[in-house]
Amino acid sequence: MKIKKMLGAGMIAVCLMTGCANPMVAIYDNDIKIASNTNSYNLNNYEQTAEDGHFTASVEKMEGMDTIWVFDAEEDKSLDITYTINVSSGKMKLVLINPKGDVSIIAECDTEMSEPIQSTLNVESGNNRIKIVAGENTKFDIEISIQEGEFKELG
């Protein structure tokens, strides 16, 4: 009888702990969720600007994912992208989602970058998106420039 009570209490404890898990943190490694048309995030204390091919944000805490750039390409093309990411805590990645829903990592970071990175973004004909994906309690600053497409604000 004593063993049954202990097993029952243990099962209840396990159920309670798994029920309290943060679903935003589970998004970080889930490409199916990242590729979806939805955004799901916890976002606290942030400042940002999104205009004229340039996006900047300073975020005290983010978990989950949010779309920051969209581009409806008439044909396959290459775009220049310049970015700087400084992560003070946690981890984050910048991902490109093509029209087929394939996710490719532009940058993944858990520290500060010393220099801006210049790269080429290969977009396909159709709707292309960039999302910020943040792990648990991620604090970061980011600057991105892309001369085509439209930047969206976080939140």
N, C-alpha and C. Protein backbone atom coordinates (compact mmCIF):
# COMPACT_ATOMS: atom_id res chain seq x y z
N MET A 1 0.82 -1.19 0.00
CA MET A 1 0.00 0.00 0.00
C MET A 1 0.87 1.26 0.00
N LYS A 2 1.92 1.22 0.81
CA LYS A 2 2.82 2.37 0.91
C LYS A 2 3.50 2.64 -0.44
N ILE A 3 3.87 1.58 -1.16
CA ILE A 3 4.52 1.71 -2.46
C ILE A 3 3.56 2.33 -3.46
N LYS A 4 2.29 1.93 -3.43
CA LYS A 4 1.30 2.49 -4.35
C LYS A 4 1.12 3.98 -4.12
N LYS A 5 1.11 4.40 -2.85
CA LYS A 5 0.97 5.83 -2.54
C LYS A 5 2.17 6.62 -3.04
N MET A 6 3.35 6.05 -2.86
CA MET A 6 4.56 6.74 -3.31
C MET A 6 4.59 6.83 -4.83
N LEU A 7 4.20 5.76 -5.52
CA LEU A 7 4.15 5.79 -6.98
C LEU A 7 3.12 6.80 -7.47
N GLY A 8 1.98 6.83 -6.81
CA GLY A 8 0.93 7.79 -7.17
C GLY A 8 1.41 9.22 -6.98
N ALA A 9 2.07 9.49 -5.86
CA ALA A 9 2.58 10.84 -5.60
C ALA A 9 3.66 11.21 -6.62
N GLY A 10 4.49 10.24 -6.97
CA GLY A 10 5.53 10.50 -7.97
C GLY A 10 4.94 10.81 -9.34
N MET A 11 3.90 10.08 -9.71
CA MET A 11 3.26 10.33 -11.00
C MET A 11 2.59 11.70 -11.03
N ILE A 12 1.98 12.09 -9.94
CA ILE A 12 1.36 13.41 -9.86
C ILE A 12 2.42 14.50 -9.98
N ALA A 13 3.55 14.31 -9.30
CA ALA A 13 4.63 15.30 -9.37
C ALA A 13 5.16 15.44 -10.80
N VAL A 14 5.34 14.32 -11.48
CA VAL A 14 5.82 14.36 -12.87
C VAL A 14 4.82 15.07 -13.75
N CYS A 15 3.54 14.77 -13.60
CA CYS A 15 2.50 15.42 -14.40
C CYS A 15 2.47 16.92 -14.15
N LEU A 16 2.61 17.32 -12.90
CA LEU A 16 2.61 18.75 -12.58
C LEU A 16 3.81 19.46 -13.18
N MET A 17 4.97 18.83 -13.13
CA MET A 17 6.18 19.46 -13.67
C MET A 17 6.10 19.59 -15.18
N THR A 18 5.62 18.59 -15.87
CA THR A 18 5.54 18.69 -17.33
C THR A 18 4.44 19.64 -17.76
N GLY A 19 3.42 19.79 -16.96
CA GLY A 19 2.35 20.74 -17.27
C GLY A 19 2.79 22.17 -17.13
N CYS A 20 3.83 22.42 -16.38
CA CYS A 20 4.32 23.78 -16.15
C CYS A 20 5.44 24.17 -17.10
N ALA A 21 5.79 23.31 -18.04
CA ALA A 21 6.87 23.62 -18.97
C ALA A 21 6.49 24.82 -19.84
N ASN A 22 7.50 25.56 -20.28
CA ASN A 22 7.29 26.75 -21.09
C ASN A 22 7.20 26.35 -22.57
N PRO A 23 6.01 26.46 -23.19
CA PRO A 23 5.87 26.04 -24.59
C PRO A 23 6.67 26.91 -25.57
N MET A 24 7.00 28.14 -25.20
CA MET A 24 7.76 29.01 -26.09
C MET A 24 9.18 28.48 -26.30
N VAL A 25 9.75 27.90 -25.25
CA VAL A 25 11.11 27.38 -25.32
C VAL A 25 11.18 26.18 -26.28
N ALA A 26 10.12 25.39 -26.34
CA ALA A 26 10.09 24.20 -27.19
C ALA A 26 10.09 24.55 -28.68
N ILE A 27 9.75 25.78 -29.02
CA ILE A 27 9.71 26.21 -30.43
C ILE A 27 11.10 26.26 -31.05
N TYR A 28 12.12 26.57 -30.26
CA TYR A 28 13.46 26.86 -30.77
C TYR A 28 13.98 25.81 -31.75
N ASP A 29 13.77 24.55 -31.48
CA ASP A 29 14.30 23.48 -32.34
C ASP A 29 13.22 22.80 -33.18
N ASN A 30 12.06 23.43 -33.32
CA ASN A 30 10.94 22.81 -34.04
C ASN A 30 10.68 23.54 -35.36
N ASP A 31 11.31 23.06 -36.43
CA ASP A 31 11.17 23.72 -37.74
C ASP A 31 9.74 23.73 -38.25
N ILE A 32 8.94 22.75 -37.89
CA ILE A 32 7.54 22.74 -38.34
C ILE A 32 6.79 23.94 -37.76
N LYS A 33 6.98 24.19 -36.46
CA LYS A 33 6.33 25.35 -35.84
C LYS A 33 6.92 26.65 -36.38
N ILE A 34 8.23 26.69 -36.54
CA ILE A 34 8.88 27.91 -37.04
C ILE A 34 8.37 28.25 -38.44
N ALA A 35 8.19 27.25 -39.29
CA ALA A 35 7.76 27.48 -40.67
C ALA A 35 6.29 27.89 -40.78
N SER A 36 5.52 27.71 -39.72
CA SER A 36 4.09 28.02 -39.78
C SER A 36 3.88 29.52 -40.02
N ASN A 37 2.68 29.87 -40.43
CA ASN A 37 2.34 31.28 -40.65
C ASN A 37 2.02 32.02 -39.36
N THR A 38 2.09 31.34 -38.24
CA THR A 38 1.77 31.97 -36.96
C THR A 38 3.04 32.44 -36.27
N ASN A 39 2.84 33.32 -35.30
CA ASN A 39 3.91 33.77 -34.42
C ASN A 39 3.48 33.47 -33.00
N SER A 40 4.40 33.05 -32.17
CA SER A 40 4.08 32.70 -30.80
C SER A 40 5.27 33.10 -29.93
N TYR A 41 5.04 33.99 -28.99
CA TYR A 41 6.17 34.53 -28.24
C TYR A 41 5.74 35.12 -26.90
N ASN A 42 6.73 35.22 -26.00
CA ASN A 42 6.67 36.06 -24.81
C ASN A 42 7.68 37.16 -25.07
N LEU A 43 7.27 38.41 -24.91
CA LEU A 43 8.13 39.54 -25.25
C LEU A 43 7.95 40.62 -24.19
N ASN A 44 9.05 41.01 -23.55
CA ASN A 44 9.00 42.02 -22.49
C ASN A 44 10.05 43.10 -22.70
N ASN A 45 9.67 44.33 -22.42
CA ASN A 45 10.60 45.47 -22.41
C ASN A 45 11.48 45.52 -23.66
N TYR A 46 10.96 46.12 -24.70
CA TYR A 46 11.70 46.20 -25.95
C TYR A 46 11.49 47.56 -26.61
N GLU A 47 12.50 47.95 -27.39
CA GLU A 47 12.43 49.15 -28.23
C GLU A 47 12.83 48.72 -29.63
N GLN A 48 12.19 49.32 -30.65
CA GLN A 48 12.49 48.89 -32.01
C GLN A 48 12.10 49.95 -33.02
N THR A 49 12.71 49.82 -34.20
CA THR A 49 12.30 50.60 -35.36
C THR A 49 12.34 49.67 -36.57
N ALA A 50 11.40 49.87 -37.47
CA ALA A 50 11.35 49.06 -38.69
C ALA A 50 10.91 49.97 -39.82
N GLU A 51 11.90 50.42 -40.63
CA GLU A 51 11.55 51.32 -41.74
C GLU A 51 12.67 51.35 -42.77
N ASP A 52 12.29 51.66 -44.01
CA ASP A 52 13.23 51.91 -45.10
C ASP A 52 14.35 50.88 -45.21
N GLY A 53 14.01 49.61 -45.20
CA GLY A 53 15.01 48.57 -45.39
C GLY A 53 15.90 48.32 -44.20
N HIS A 54 15.49 48.80 -43.02
CA HIS A 54 16.33 48.67 -41.83
C HIS A 54 15.47 48.32 -40.62
N PHE A 55 15.95 47.39 -39.80
CA PHE A 55 15.26 46.99 -38.58
C PHE A 55 16.25 46.99 -37.43
N THR A 56 15.89 47.60 -36.31
CA THR A 56 16.70 47.53 -35.10
C THR A 56 15.78 47.21 -33.93
N ALA A 57 16.31 46.45 -32.98
CA ALA A 57 15.54 46.15 -31.77
C ALA A 57 16.50 45.90 -30.62
N SER A 58 16.07 46.34 -29.44
CA SER A 58 16.75 46.04 -28.19
C SER A 58 15.70 45.37 -27.31
N VAL A 59 15.92 44.11 -26.97
CA VAL A 59 14.91 43.31 -26.28
C VAL A 59 15.46 42.81 -24.95
N GLU A 60 14.74 43.09 -23.87
CA GLU A 60 15.14 42.63 -22.54
C GLU A 60 14.85 41.15 -22.35
N LYS A 61 13.70 40.68 -22.90
CA LYS A 61 13.37 39.26 -22.76
C LYS A 61 12.43 38.83 -23.88
N MET A 62 12.84 37.77 -24.57
CA MET A 62 11.98 37.16 -25.59
C MET A 62 12.15 35.65 -25.53
N GLU A 63 11.04 34.96 -25.73
CA GLU A 63 11.02 33.51 -25.90
C GLU A 63 10.02 33.22 -27.01
N GLY A 64 10.34 32.30 -27.90
CA GLY A 64 9.42 31.97 -28.98
C GLY A 64 9.89 32.53 -30.31
N MET A 65 8.91 32.91 -31.18
CA MET A 65 9.27 33.35 -32.54
C MET A 65 8.33 34.45 -33.00
N ASP A 66 8.88 35.34 -33.84
CA ASP A 66 8.08 36.41 -34.43
C ASP A 66 8.65 36.77 -35.80
N THR A 67 7.77 37.04 -36.75
CA THR A 67 8.15 37.41 -38.11
C THR A 67 8.55 38.88 -38.14
N ILE A 68 9.73 39.18 -38.71
CA ILE A 68 10.18 40.57 -38.78
C ILE A 68 10.36 41.08 -40.21
N TRP A 69 10.28 40.18 -41.20
CA TRP A 69 10.49 40.61 -42.59
C TRP A 69 9.70 39.70 -43.52
N VAL A 70 9.07 40.31 -44.52
CA VAL A 70 8.35 39.55 -45.55
C VAL A 70 8.72 40.10 -46.92
N PHE A 71 8.79 39.21 -47.91
CA PHE A 71 9.11 39.62 -49.27
C PHE A 71 8.41 38.68 -50.24
N ASP A 72 7.52 39.24 -51.05
CA ASP A 72 6.86 38.48 -52.10
C ASP A 72 7.67 38.65 -53.39
N ALA A 73 8.52 37.68 -53.66
CA ALA A 73 9.42 37.75 -54.81
C ALA A 73 8.69 37.30 -56.07
N GLU A 74 8.84 38.06 -57.13
CA GLU A 74 8.25 37.69 -58.42
C GLU A 74 9.06 36.58 -59.10
N GLU A 75 10.34 36.49 -58.72
CA GLU A 75 11.22 35.46 -59.27
C GLU A 75 12.31 35.15 -58.26
N ASP A 76 13.02 34.06 -58.46
CA ASP A 76 14.16 33.74 -57.60
C ASP A 76 15.18 34.86 -57.74
N LYS A 77 15.76 35.28 -56.62
CA LYS A 77 16.79 36.31 -56.69
C LYS A 77 17.65 36.30 -55.44
N SER A 78 18.76 37.01 -55.51
CA SER A 78 19.69 37.15 -54.39
C SER A 78 19.60 38.57 -53.86
N LEU A 79 19.52 38.69 -52.53
CA LEU A 79 19.46 39.99 -51.88
C LEU A 79 20.63 40.12 -50.92
N ASP A 80 21.16 41.33 -50.80
CA ASP A 80 22.21 41.59 -49.81
C ASP A 80 21.57 41.81 -48.45
N ILE A 81 22.16 41.20 -47.42
CA ILE A 81 21.70 41.38 -46.05
C ILE A 81 22.92 41.71 -45.19
N THR A 82 22.76 42.68 -44.31
CA THR A 82 23.79 43.04 -43.33
C THR A 82 23.13 42.97 -41.96
N TYR A 83 23.80 42.33 -41.00
CA TYR A 83 23.21 42.23 -39.67
C TYR A 83 24.28 42.18 -38.58
N THR A 84 23.88 42.62 -37.41
CA THR A 84 24.67 42.50 -36.19
C THR A 84 23.74 42.00 -35.11
N ILE A 85 24.16 40.98 -34.38
CA ILE A 85 23.36 40.43 -33.29
C ILE A 85 24.23 40.37 -32.05
N ASN A 86 23.74 40.90 -30.95
CA ASN A 86 24.42 40.81 -29.67
C ASN A 86 23.47 40.17 -28.66
N VAL A 87 23.81 38.97 -28.20
CA VAL A 87 22.98 38.25 -27.24
C VAL A 87 23.66 38.33 -25.88
N SER A 88 22.94 38.88 -24.89
CA SER A 88 23.48 39.00 -23.53
C SER A 88 23.14 37.79 -22.68
N SER A 89 21.98 37.17 -22.93
CA SER A 89 21.61 35.94 -22.22
C SER A 89 20.69 35.13 -23.12
N GLY A 90 20.72 33.82 -22.94
CA GLY A 90 19.90 32.95 -23.77
C GLY A 90 20.55 32.69 -25.12
N LYS A 91 19.70 32.36 -26.09
CA LYS A 91 20.19 32.11 -27.45
C LYS A 91 19.10 32.52 -28.43
N MET A 92 19.51 32.89 -29.63
CA MET A 92 18.53 33.26 -30.66
C MET A 92 19.08 32.93 -32.03
N LYS A 93 18.14 32.82 -32.96
CA LYS A 93 18.55 32.60 -34.35
C LYS A 93 17.63 33.40 -35.26
N LEU A 94 18.20 33.73 -36.39
CA LEU A 94 17.50 34.44 -37.45
C LEU A 94 17.31 33.41 -38.56
N VAL A 95 16.06 33.17 -38.98
CA VAL A 95 15.81 32.14 -39.98
C VAL A 95 15.04 32.69 -41.17
N LEU A 96 15.32 32.12 -42.33
CA LEU A 96 14.59 32.43 -43.56
C LEU A 96 13.66 31.26 -43.85
N ILE A 97 12.38 31.58 -44.10
CA ILE A 97 11.40 30.57 -44.48
C ILE A 97 11.00 30.83 -45.92
N ASN A 98 11.24 29.86 -46.79
CA ASN A 98 10.93 30.05 -48.21
C ASN A 98 9.46 29.73 -48.48
N PRO A 99 8.97 29.95 -49.69
CA PRO A 99 7.55 29.72 -49.99
C PRO A 99 7.09 28.27 -49.79
N LYS A 100 8.03 27.31 -49.84
CA LYS A 100 7.67 25.90 -49.63
C LYS A 100 7.61 25.54 -48.15
N GLY A 101 8.04 26.47 -47.28
CA GLY A 101 8.05 26.20 -45.85
C GLY A 101 9.36 25.63 -45.34
N ASP A 102 10.40 25.65 -46.18
CA ASP A 102 11.72 25.19 -45.74
C ASP A 102 12.36 26.28 -44.89
N VAL A 103 12.97 25.87 -43.78
CA VAL A 103 13.61 26.80 -42.85
C VAL A 103 15.12 26.70 -43.01
N SER A 104 15.79 27.84 -43.21
CA SER A 104 17.25 27.85 -43.23
C SER A 104 17.74 28.92 -42.25
N ILE A 105 18.80 28.59 -41.55
CA ILE A 105 19.34 29.49 -40.54
C ILE A 105 20.24 30.52 -41.21
N ILE A 106 19.93 31.79 -40.99
CA ILE A 106 20.78 32.88 -41.45
C ILE A 106 21.91 33.08 -40.45
N ALA A 107 21.56 33.12 -39.16
CA ALA A 107 22.53 33.29 -38.09
C ALA A 107 21.99 32.67 -36.83
N GLU A 108 22.88 32.09 -36.02
CA GLU A 108 22.51 31.56 -34.71
C GLU A 108 23.55 32.06 -33.73
N CYS A 109 23.09 32.57 -32.59
CA CYS A 109 24.00 33.31 -31.74
C CYS A 109 23.65 33.15 -30.27
N ASP A 110 24.68 33.04 -29.42
CA ASP A 110 24.49 33.11 -27.98
C ASP A 110 25.54 34.02 -27.33
N THR A 111 26.20 34.82 -28.17
CA THR A 111 27.19 35.79 -27.69
C THR A 111 27.10 37.05 -28.54
N GLU A 112 28.06 37.94 -28.35
CA GLU A 112 28.09 39.18 -29.13
C GLU A 112 28.91 38.99 -30.41
N MET A 113 28.48 39.64 -31.48
CA MET A 113 29.25 39.67 -32.72
C MET A 113 30.15 40.90 -32.67
N SER A 114 31.37 40.75 -33.11
CA SER A 114 32.29 41.88 -33.06
C SER A 114 32.11 42.81 -34.26
N GLU A 115 31.74 42.26 -35.38
CA GLU A 115 31.60 43.04 -36.61
C GLU A 115 30.26 42.74 -37.28
N PRO A 116 29.71 43.69 -38.01
CA PRO A 116 28.51 43.38 -38.81
C PRO A 116 28.84 42.31 -39.86
N ILE A 117 27.88 41.46 -40.11
CA ILE A 117 28.03 40.40 -41.11
C ILE A 117 27.29 40.82 -42.38
N GLN A 118 27.97 40.71 -43.51
CA GLN A 118 27.33 40.94 -44.81
C GLN A 118 27.23 39.60 -45.51
N SER A 119 26.04 39.32 -46.04
CA SER A 119 25.80 38.03 -46.64
C SER A 119 24.80 38.16 -47.78
N THR A 120 24.58 37.07 -48.48
CA THR A 120 23.59 37.04 -49.56
C THR A 120 22.44 36.15 -49.13
N LEU A 121 21.25 36.65 -49.33
CA LEU A 121 20.02 35.94 -49.02
C LEU A 121 19.41 35.47 -50.33
N ASN A 122 19.33 34.17 -50.53
CA ASN A 122 18.74 33.63 -51.76
C ASN A 122 17.26 33.36 -51.53
N VAL A 123 16.41 34.18 -52.14
CA VAL A 123 14.97 34.03 -51.97
C VAL A 123 14.37 33.39 -53.22
N GLU A 124 13.28 32.68 -53.02
CA GLU A 124 12.59 32.02 -54.12
C GLU A 124 11.35 32.80 -54.50
N SER A 125 10.85 32.54 -55.68
CA SER A 125 9.62 33.16 -56.14
C SER A 125 8.49 32.81 -55.18
N GLY A 126 7.78 33.83 -54.70
CA GLY A 126 6.70 33.63 -53.74
C GLY A 126 6.98 34.34 -52.44
N ASN A 127 6.27 33.93 -51.39
CA ASN A 127 6.36 34.59 -50.08
C ASN A 127 7.52 34.06 -49.27
N ASN A 128 8.48 34.93 -48.96
CA ASN A 128 9.64 34.61 -48.14
C ASN A 128 9.53 35.40 -46.84
N ARG A 129 9.94 34.78 -45.73
CA ARG A 129 9.84 35.45 -44.42
C ARG A 129 11.11 35.23 -43.62
N ILE A 130 11.41 36.21 -42.76
CA ILE A 130 12.47 36.05 -41.77
C ILE A 130 11.82 36.14 -40.40
N LYS A 131 12.19 35.20 -39.54
CA LYS A 131 11.71 35.20 -38.16
C LYS A 131 12.90 35.26 -37.21
N ILE A 132 12.67 35.93 -36.08
CA ILE A 132 13.57 35.81 -34.94
C ILE A 132 13.01 34.68 -34.09
N VAL A 133 13.88 33.74 -33.71
CA VAL A 133 13.49 32.64 -32.85
C VAL A 133 14.39 32.71 -31.61
N ALA A 134 13.77 32.81 -30.44
CA ALA A 134 14.54 33.00 -29.21
C ALA A 134 14.29 31.86 -28.23
N GLY A 135 15.36 31.44 -27.57
CA GLY A 135 15.26 30.43 -26.53
C GLY A 135 14.82 31.06 -25.21
N GLU A 136 15.02 30.35 -24.14
CA GLU A 136 14.55 30.80 -22.83
C GLU A 136 15.27 32.06 -22.35
N ASN A 137 14.49 33.04 -21.89
CA ASN A 137 15.01 34.28 -21.29
C ASN A 137 16.10 34.93 -22.13
N THR A 138 15.85 35.13 -23.40
CA THR A 138 16.86 35.69 -24.30
C THR A 138 16.80 37.21 -24.30
N LYS A 139 17.95 37.81 -24.06
CA LYS A 139 18.12 39.27 -24.10
C LYS A 139 19.07 39.56 -25.26
N PHE A 140 18.65 40.47 -26.16
CA PHE A 140 19.49 40.71 -27.34
C PHE A 140 19.25 42.09 -27.94
N ASP A 141 20.24 42.50 -28.75
CA ASP A 141 20.14 43.67 -29.62
C ASP A 141 20.41 43.17 -31.03
N ILE A 142 19.66 43.71 -31.99
CA ILE A 142 19.82 43.27 -33.37
C ILE A 142 19.64 44.45 -34.32
N GLU A 143 20.43 44.45 -35.38
CA GLU A 143 20.29 45.41 -36.49
C GLU A 143 20.35 44.60 -37.78
N ILE A 144 19.40 44.85 -38.67
CA ILE A 144 19.36 44.16 -39.96
C ILE A 144 19.03 45.16 -41.05
N SER A 145 19.72 45.02 -42.18
CA SER A 145 19.41 45.83 -43.36
C SER A 145 19.22 44.92 -44.56
N ILE A 146 18.08 45.08 -45.24
CA ILE A 146 17.78 44.43 -46.52
C ILE A 146 17.02 45.46 -47.32
N GLN A 147 17.46 45.77 -48.51
CA GLN A 147 16.87 46.87 -49.26
C GLN A 147 15.54 46.54 -49.94
N GLU A 148 15.17 45.27 -50.01
CA GLU A 148 13.88 44.91 -50.58
C GLU A 148 13.06 44.19 -49.52
N GLY A 149 11.76 44.09 -49.75
CA GLY A 149 10.88 43.46 -48.77
C GLY A 149 10.41 44.47 -47.75
N GLU A 150 9.68 43.99 -46.76
CA GLU A 150 9.11 44.88 -45.75
C GLU A 150 9.41 44.35 -44.35
N PHE A 151 10.01 45.20 -43.53
CA PHE A 151 10.24 44.84 -42.14
C PHE A 151 8.98 45.06 -41.33
N LYS A 152 8.74 44.17 -40.38
CA LYS A 152 7.60 44.24 -39.46
C LYS A 152 8.15 44.42 -38.05
N GLU A 153 7.40 45.10 -37.21
CA GLU A 153 7.82 45.25 -35.82
C GLU A 153 7.50 44.00 -35.02
N LEU A 154 8.32 43.75 -33.99
CA LEU A 154 8.03 42.67 -33.05
C LEU A 154 6.73 42.98 -32.32
N GLY A 155 6.04 41.93 -31.94
CA GLY A 155 4.80 42.12 -31.15
C GLY A 155 3.64 42.22 -31.98
